[in-house]
Structure formats: structure tokens, C-alpha cells
């Protein structure tokens, strides 16, 4: 996952991909790191999905702009629109199924 530092970088990922994942994380968050590793493993199956990670503790202004008030939080964008927002208890199996469903609709026609 690419480490992002600005709102512009986030928007660039969202607007240049049919499917994108933005992961809001924290430096001192053990759960954030564990989930990040698993999300990266899931995303390996979907090479056309762009993804990025932003440190919410370093960039609270960007978190506020995206209405992120707790960490970790993952947002799935499809065709530049927020489709799924998952926080705290991230169901990785459900996330994988949703990405696969959108991926197949868009890329596996």
C-alpha cells in the first residue's frame, strides 16, 4: 500500500482507478498494523485496485475531511464513489467478497 501524505494524493488514487481502497491507520495502533498486512494480502488478488494508506494520527485534518474519527478505517471507492466504509471491527472476508464482486463487474465482463 502506498503511503499517502496529502488529500491531493488520496483524490488522485480515487479519481484514477475504477476501484480504490484508502486505509486510515495510526502509528501506535497494533490492530491497524495487523489488519493492514491482511488487507495487503487480499489486494494482491486484485492487481487493478489502487490502494493507499494514510497515518490518521499525523494527518488529523485529512481524516476530518473524509469524516474519519476512529482508527483503523478502510474506505472502498468504486467509480469515484464511496461504496463501503469499514471501521474498528473489519470483517476481512466480507471485504474480500465485496472487492471481488465489484472487480468482477468492472474488469471481468
N, C-alpha and C. Protein backbone atom coordinates (compact mmCIF):
# COMPACT_ATOMS: atom_id res chain seq x y z
N UNK A 1 0.84 -1.17 0.00
CA UNK A 1 0.00 0.00 0.00
C UNK A 1 0.89 1.24 0.00
N UNK A 2 0.56 2.16 -0.84
CA UNK A 2 1.35 3.39 -0.95
C UNK A 2 1.05 4.31 0.24
N UNK A 3 2.09 4.84 0.86
CA UNK A 3 1.92 5.76 1.98
C UNK A 3 1.58 7.14 1.42
N UNK A 4 0.44 7.67 1.84
CA UNK A 4 -0.04 8.96 1.34
C UNK A 4 0.13 10.03 2.41
N UNK A 5 0.34 11.27 1.97
CA UNK A 5 0.56 12.35 2.92
C UNK A 5 -0.33 13.55 2.69
N UNK A 6 -1.05 13.58 1.58
CA UNK A 6 -1.89 14.74 1.29
C UNK A 6 -3.26 14.31 0.77
N UNK A 7 -4.20 15.20 0.91
CA UNK A 7 -5.54 14.96 0.38
C UNK A 7 -5.49 14.83 -1.14
N UNK A 8 -4.59 15.58 -1.76
CA UNK A 8 -4.44 15.51 -3.22
C UNK A 8 -4.02 14.11 -3.66
N UNK A 9 -3.11 13.49 -2.92
CA UNK A 9 -2.67 12.13 -3.26
C UNK A 9 -3.83 11.13 -3.13
N UNK A 10 -4.64 11.30 -2.10
CA UNK A 10 -5.80 10.42 -1.92
C UNK A 10 -6.76 10.58 -3.09
N UNK A 11 -7.08 11.82 -3.42
CA UNK A 11 -8.01 12.07 -4.51
C UNK A 11 -7.47 11.57 -5.85
N UNK A 12 -6.17 11.63 -6.03
CA UNK A 12 -5.56 11.13 -7.26
C UNK A 12 -5.80 9.63 -7.40
N UNK A 13 -5.65 8.89 -6.32
CA UNK A 13 -5.91 7.45 -6.36
C UNK A 13 -7.38 7.18 -6.64
N UNK A 14 -8.25 7.90 -5.95
CA UNK A 14 -9.70 7.70 -6.12
C UNK A 14 -10.13 8.00 -7.55
N UNK A 15 -9.59 9.06 -8.13
CA UNK A 15 -10.05 9.52 -9.45
C UNK A 15 -9.34 8.87 -10.63
N UNK A 16 -8.31 8.06 -10.36
CA UNK A 16 -7.59 7.43 -11.48
C UNK A 16 -7.76 5.91 -11.50
N UNK A 17 -8.70 5.42 -10.73
CA UNK A 17 -8.93 3.97 -10.69
C UNK A 17 -10.41 3.69 -10.56
N UNK A 18 -10.87 2.63 -11.21
CA UNK A 18 -12.27 2.24 -11.07
C UNK A 18 -12.57 1.74 -9.67
N UNK A 19 -11.59 1.09 -9.06
CA UNK A 19 -11.74 0.60 -7.69
C UNK A 19 -10.51 1.02 -6.91
N UNK A 20 -10.73 1.60 -5.74
CA UNK A 20 -9.60 2.00 -4.90
C UNK A 20 -9.94 1.79 -3.43
N UNK A 21 -8.90 1.58 -2.65
CA UNK A 21 -9.02 1.37 -1.22
C UNK A 21 -8.12 2.38 -0.52
N UNK A 22 -8.71 3.13 0.40
CA UNK A 22 -7.94 4.06 1.22
C UNK A 22 -8.03 3.56 2.66
N UNK A 23 -6.87 3.36 3.27
CA UNK A 23 -6.79 2.80 4.62
C UNK A 23 -6.24 3.87 5.56
N UNK A 24 -7.05 4.25 6.54
CA UNK A 24 -6.64 5.22 7.56
C UNK A 24 -6.15 4.44 8.77
N UNK A 25 -4.92 4.71 9.17
CA UNK A 25 -4.27 3.93 10.21
C UNK A 25 -3.63 4.85 11.25
N UNK A 26 -3.03 4.26 12.26
CA UNK A 26 -2.34 5.03 13.28
C UNK A 26 -0.98 4.42 13.58
N UNK A 27 -0.03 5.25 13.98
CA UNK A 27 1.33 4.78 14.26
C UNK A 27 1.38 3.78 15.41
N UNK A 28 0.66 4.09 16.46
CA UNK A 28 0.74 3.28 17.68
C UNK A 28 -0.45 2.34 17.82
N UNK A 29 -0.96 1.87 16.70
CA UNK A 29 -2.16 1.04 16.70
C UNK A 29 -1.78 -0.37 16.24
N UNK A 30 -1.70 -1.30 17.18
CA UNK A 30 -1.33 -2.67 16.85
C UNK A 30 -2.33 -3.32 15.91
N UNK A 31 -3.61 -3.10 16.16
CA UNK A 31 -4.65 -3.67 15.29
C UNK A 31 -4.52 -3.12 13.87
N UNK A 32 -4.17 -1.85 13.76
CA UNK A 32 -4.02 -1.23 12.44
C UNK A 32 -2.97 -1.96 11.61
N UNK A 33 -1.85 -2.28 12.24
CA UNK A 33 -0.76 -2.97 11.53
C UNK A 33 -1.16 -4.38 11.12
N UNK A 34 -1.82 -5.10 12.03
CA UNK A 34 -2.24 -6.47 11.73
C UNK A 34 -3.24 -6.49 10.58
N UNK A 35 -4.19 -5.58 10.62
CA UNK A 35 -5.21 -5.52 9.57
C UNK A 35 -4.58 -5.08 8.25
N UNK A 36 -3.67 -4.13 8.31
CA UNK A 36 -3.01 -3.65 7.09
C UNK A 36 -2.34 -4.81 6.34
N UNK A 37 -1.63 -5.65 7.07
CA UNK A 37 -0.95 -6.79 6.46
C UNK A 37 -1.97 -7.69 5.76
N UNK A 38 -3.09 -7.94 6.40
CA UNK A 38 -4.11 -8.82 5.82
C UNK A 38 -4.80 -8.18 4.62
N UNK A 39 -5.04 -6.88 4.70
CA UNK A 39 -5.65 -6.17 3.56
C UNK A 39 -4.70 -6.21 2.36
N UNK A 40 -3.41 -6.01 2.61
CA UNK A 40 -2.44 -6.08 1.51
C UNK A 40 -2.43 -7.46 0.86
N UNK A 41 -2.58 -8.50 1.66
CA UNK A 41 -2.65 -9.86 1.11
C UNK A 41 -3.89 -10.02 0.23
N UNK A 42 -5.01 -9.49 0.68
CA UNK A 42 -6.25 -9.56 -0.11
C UNK A 42 -6.07 -8.82 -1.43
N UNK A 43 -5.49 -7.63 -1.37
CA UNK A 43 -5.36 -6.79 -2.56
C UNK A 43 -4.42 -7.39 -3.62
N UNK A 44 -3.56 -8.29 -3.22
CA UNK A 44 -2.68 -8.95 -4.20
C UNK A 44 -3.49 -9.73 -5.23
N UNK A 45 -4.67 -10.17 -4.85
CA UNK A 45 -5.54 -10.92 -5.77
C UNK A 45 -6.20 -10.01 -6.81
N UNK A 46 -6.16 -8.70 -6.57
CA UNK A 46 -6.86 -7.75 -7.43
C UNK A 46 -5.88 -6.67 -7.91
N UNK A 47 -5.07 -7.00 -8.91
CA UNK A 47 -3.98 -6.11 -9.30
C UNK A 47 -4.41 -4.75 -9.84
N UNK A 48 -5.64 -4.60 -10.28
CA UNK A 48 -6.06 -3.31 -10.83
C UNK A 48 -6.63 -2.37 -9.77
N UNK A 49 -6.75 -2.84 -8.56
CA UNK A 49 -7.24 -2.00 -7.46
C UNK A 49 -6.08 -1.16 -6.94
N UNK A 50 -6.26 0.15 -6.93
CA UNK A 50 -5.23 1.04 -6.37
C UNK A 50 -5.53 1.22 -4.89
N UNK A 51 -4.47 1.34 -4.11
CA UNK A 51 -4.67 1.50 -2.67
C UNK A 51 -3.67 2.48 -2.09
N UNK A 52 -4.05 3.02 -0.96
CA UNK A 52 -3.17 3.94 -0.26
C UNK A 52 -3.47 3.93 1.22
N UNK A 53 -2.46 4.30 1.98
CA UNK A 53 -2.56 4.31 3.44
C UNK A 53 -2.21 5.71 3.93
N UNK A 54 -2.97 6.19 4.90
CA UNK A 54 -2.66 7.49 5.47
C UNK A 54 -2.63 7.38 6.99
N UNK A 55 -1.63 7.98 7.59
CA UNK A 55 -1.49 7.97 9.05
C UNK A 55 -2.43 9.03 9.62
N UNK A 56 -3.50 8.56 10.23
CA UNK A 56 -4.50 9.46 10.77
C UNK A 56 -4.02 10.27 11.96
N UNK A 57 -3.04 9.75 12.68
CA UNK A 57 -2.50 10.49 13.82
C UNK A 57 -1.65 11.66 13.35
N UNK A 58 -0.93 11.48 12.25
CA UNK A 58 -0.11 12.56 11.69
C UNK A 58 -0.93 13.58 10.92
N UNK A 59 -2.05 13.13 10.36
CA UNK A 59 -2.85 13.99 9.48
C UNK A 59 -4.32 14.03 9.91
N UNK A 60 -4.60 14.56 11.10
CA UNK A 60 -5.99 14.60 11.57
C UNK A 60 -6.88 15.48 10.69
N UNK A 61 -6.30 16.48 10.05
CA UNK A 61 -7.07 17.36 9.17
C UNK A 61 -7.61 16.58 7.97
N UNK A 62 -6.82 15.68 7.43
CA UNK A 62 -7.26 14.87 6.29
C UNK A 62 -8.32 13.88 6.76
N UNK A 63 -8.13 13.30 7.94
CA UNK A 63 -9.15 12.40 8.49
C UNK A 63 -10.48 13.12 8.62
N UNK A 64 -10.45 14.33 9.14
CA UNK A 64 -11.68 15.10 9.31
C UNK A 64 -12.34 15.37 7.96
N UNK A 65 -11.55 15.64 6.96
CA UNK A 65 -12.07 15.91 5.62
C UNK A 65 -12.82 14.70 5.06
N UNK A 66 -12.38 13.50 5.44
CA UNK A 66 -13.01 12.26 4.97
C UNK A 66 -13.95 11.66 6.03
N UNK A 67 -14.27 12.45 7.06
CA UNK A 67 -15.16 12.01 8.14
C UNK A 67 -14.66 10.73 8.82
N UNK A 68 -13.37 10.68 9.07
CA UNK A 68 -12.76 9.55 9.77
C UNK A 68 -12.46 10.02 11.19
N UNK A 69 -13.13 9.39 12.16
CA UNK A 69 -12.98 9.82 13.54
C UNK A 69 -12.49 8.71 14.46
N UNK A 70 -12.21 7.53 13.90
CA UNK A 70 -11.61 6.44 14.66
C UNK A 70 -10.74 5.62 13.72
N UNK A 71 -9.75 4.97 14.30
CA UNK A 71 -8.81 4.18 13.51
C UNK A 71 -8.82 2.74 14.00
N UNK A 72 -8.59 1.78 13.16
CA UNK A 72 -8.42 1.86 11.72
C UNK A 72 -9.76 2.03 11.01
N UNK A 73 -9.69 2.55 9.80
CA UNK A 73 -10.88 2.70 8.96
C UNK A 73 -10.47 2.52 7.51
N UNK A 74 -11.28 1.78 6.79
CA UNK A 74 -11.00 1.48 5.40
C UNK A 74 -12.19 1.92 4.56
N UNK A 75 -11.91 2.62 3.47
CA UNK A 75 -12.96 3.06 2.55
C UNK A 75 -12.69 2.47 1.18
N UNK A 76 -13.71 1.82 0.62
CA UNK A 76 -13.64 1.25 -0.72
C UNK A 76 -14.40 2.18 -1.65
N UNK A 77 -13.72 2.66 -2.68
CA UNK A 77 -14.34 3.53 -3.69
C UNK A 77 -14.51 2.75 -4.98
N UNK A 78 -15.69 2.88 -5.57
CA UNK A 78 -15.97 2.27 -6.87
C UNK A 78 -16.46 3.39 -7.78
N UNK A 79 -15.79 3.56 -8.90
CA UNK A 79 -16.10 4.64 -9.84
C UNK A 79 -16.19 5.99 -9.13
N UNK A 80 -15.21 6.25 -8.28
CA UNK A 80 -15.02 7.52 -7.58
C UNK A 80 -16.06 7.79 -6.49
N UNK A 81 -16.89 6.80 -6.17
CA UNK A 81 -17.90 6.98 -5.13
C UNK A 81 -17.61 6.04 -3.97
N UNK A 82 -17.79 6.56 -2.77
CA UNK A 82 -17.61 5.71 -1.60
C UNK A 82 -18.67 4.62 -1.61
N UNK A 83 -18.23 3.37 -1.59
CA UNK A 83 -19.15 2.24 -1.63
C UNK A 83 -19.24 1.52 -0.29
N UNK A 84 -18.10 1.39 0.36
CA UNK A 84 -18.07 0.67 1.63
C UNK A 84 -17.12 1.40 2.57
N UNK A 85 -17.57 1.53 3.82
CA UNK A 85 -16.75 2.14 4.88
C UNK A 85 -16.77 1.16 6.05
N UNK A 86 -15.58 0.69 6.42
CA UNK A 86 -15.47 -0.29 7.49
C UNK A 86 -14.50 0.23 8.53
N UNK A 87 -14.92 0.23 9.78
CA UNK A 87 -14.06 0.68 10.85
C UNK A 87 -14.05 -0.28 12.02
N UNK A 88 -13.08 -0.11 12.86
CA UNK A 88 -12.90 -0.91 14.07
C UNK A 88 -12.88 -2.41 13.80
N UNK A 89 -14.05 -3.03 13.79
CA UNK A 89 -14.14 -4.48 13.57
C UNK A 89 -14.25 -4.76 12.09
N UNK A 90 -13.13 -4.84 11.43
CA UNK A 90 -13.11 -5.03 9.99
C UNK A 90 -13.26 -6.51 9.67
N UNK A 91 -14.36 -6.84 8.99
CA UNK A 91 -14.62 -8.21 8.55
C UNK A 91 -13.88 -8.41 7.23
N UNK A 92 -12.73 -9.04 7.30
CA UNK A 92 -11.86 -9.18 6.13
C UNK A 92 -12.48 -10.08 5.06
N UNK A 93 -13.21 -11.09 5.46
CA UNK A 93 -13.85 -11.98 4.50
C UNK A 93 -14.92 -11.22 3.71
N UNK A 94 -15.69 -10.42 4.41
CA UNK A 94 -16.71 -9.60 3.75
C UNK A 94 -16.06 -8.57 2.83
N UNK A 95 -14.97 -7.97 3.28
CA UNK A 95 -14.24 -7.01 2.46
C UNK A 95 -13.76 -7.67 1.17
N UNK A 96 -13.17 -8.85 1.30
CA UNK A 96 -12.66 -9.56 0.13
C UNK A 96 -13.78 -9.90 -0.85
N UNK A 97 -14.91 -10.34 -0.33
CA UNK A 97 -16.05 -10.67 -1.19
C UNK A 97 -16.56 -9.44 -1.93
N UNK A 98 -16.64 -8.32 -1.22
CA UNK A 98 -17.12 -7.09 -1.85
C UNK A 98 -16.17 -6.60 -2.93
N UNK A 99 -14.87 -6.63 -2.65
CA UNK A 99 -13.90 -6.22 -3.67
C UNK A 99 -14.02 -7.14 -4.88
N UNK A 100 -14.11 -8.44 -4.62
CA UNK A 100 -14.21 -9.41 -5.71
C UNK A 100 -15.47 -9.17 -6.56
N UNK A 101 -16.57 -8.88 -5.90
CA UNK A 101 -17.83 -8.63 -6.61
C UNK A 101 -17.70 -7.42 -7.54
N UNK A 102 -17.20 -6.31 -7.01
CA UNK A 102 -17.02 -5.11 -7.84
C UNK A 102 -15.97 -5.35 -8.93
N UNK A 103 -14.90 -6.02 -8.57
CA UNK A 103 -13.82 -6.30 -9.52
C UNK A 103 -14.34 -7.10 -10.70
N UNK A 104 -15.12 -8.13 -10.41
CA UNK A 104 -15.68 -8.95 -11.48
C UNK A 104 -16.67 -8.17 -12.34
N UNK A 105 -17.45 -7.30 -11.73
CA UNK A 105 -18.41 -6.49 -12.51
C UNK A 105 -17.69 -5.55 -13.46
N UNK A 106 -16.59 -4.97 -13.00
CA UNK A 106 -15.89 -3.95 -13.80
C UNK A 106 -14.87 -4.55 -14.76
N UNK A 107 -14.07 -5.49 -14.29
CA UNK A 107 -12.94 -5.96 -15.09
C UNK A 107 -13.14 -7.32 -15.75
N UNK A 108 -14.04 -8.12 -15.25
CA UNK A 108 -14.19 -9.48 -15.77
C UNK A 108 -15.47 -9.63 -16.59
N UNK A 109 -15.85 -8.61 -17.30
CA UNK A 109 -17.11 -8.61 -18.06
C UNK A 109 -17.21 -9.74 -18.96
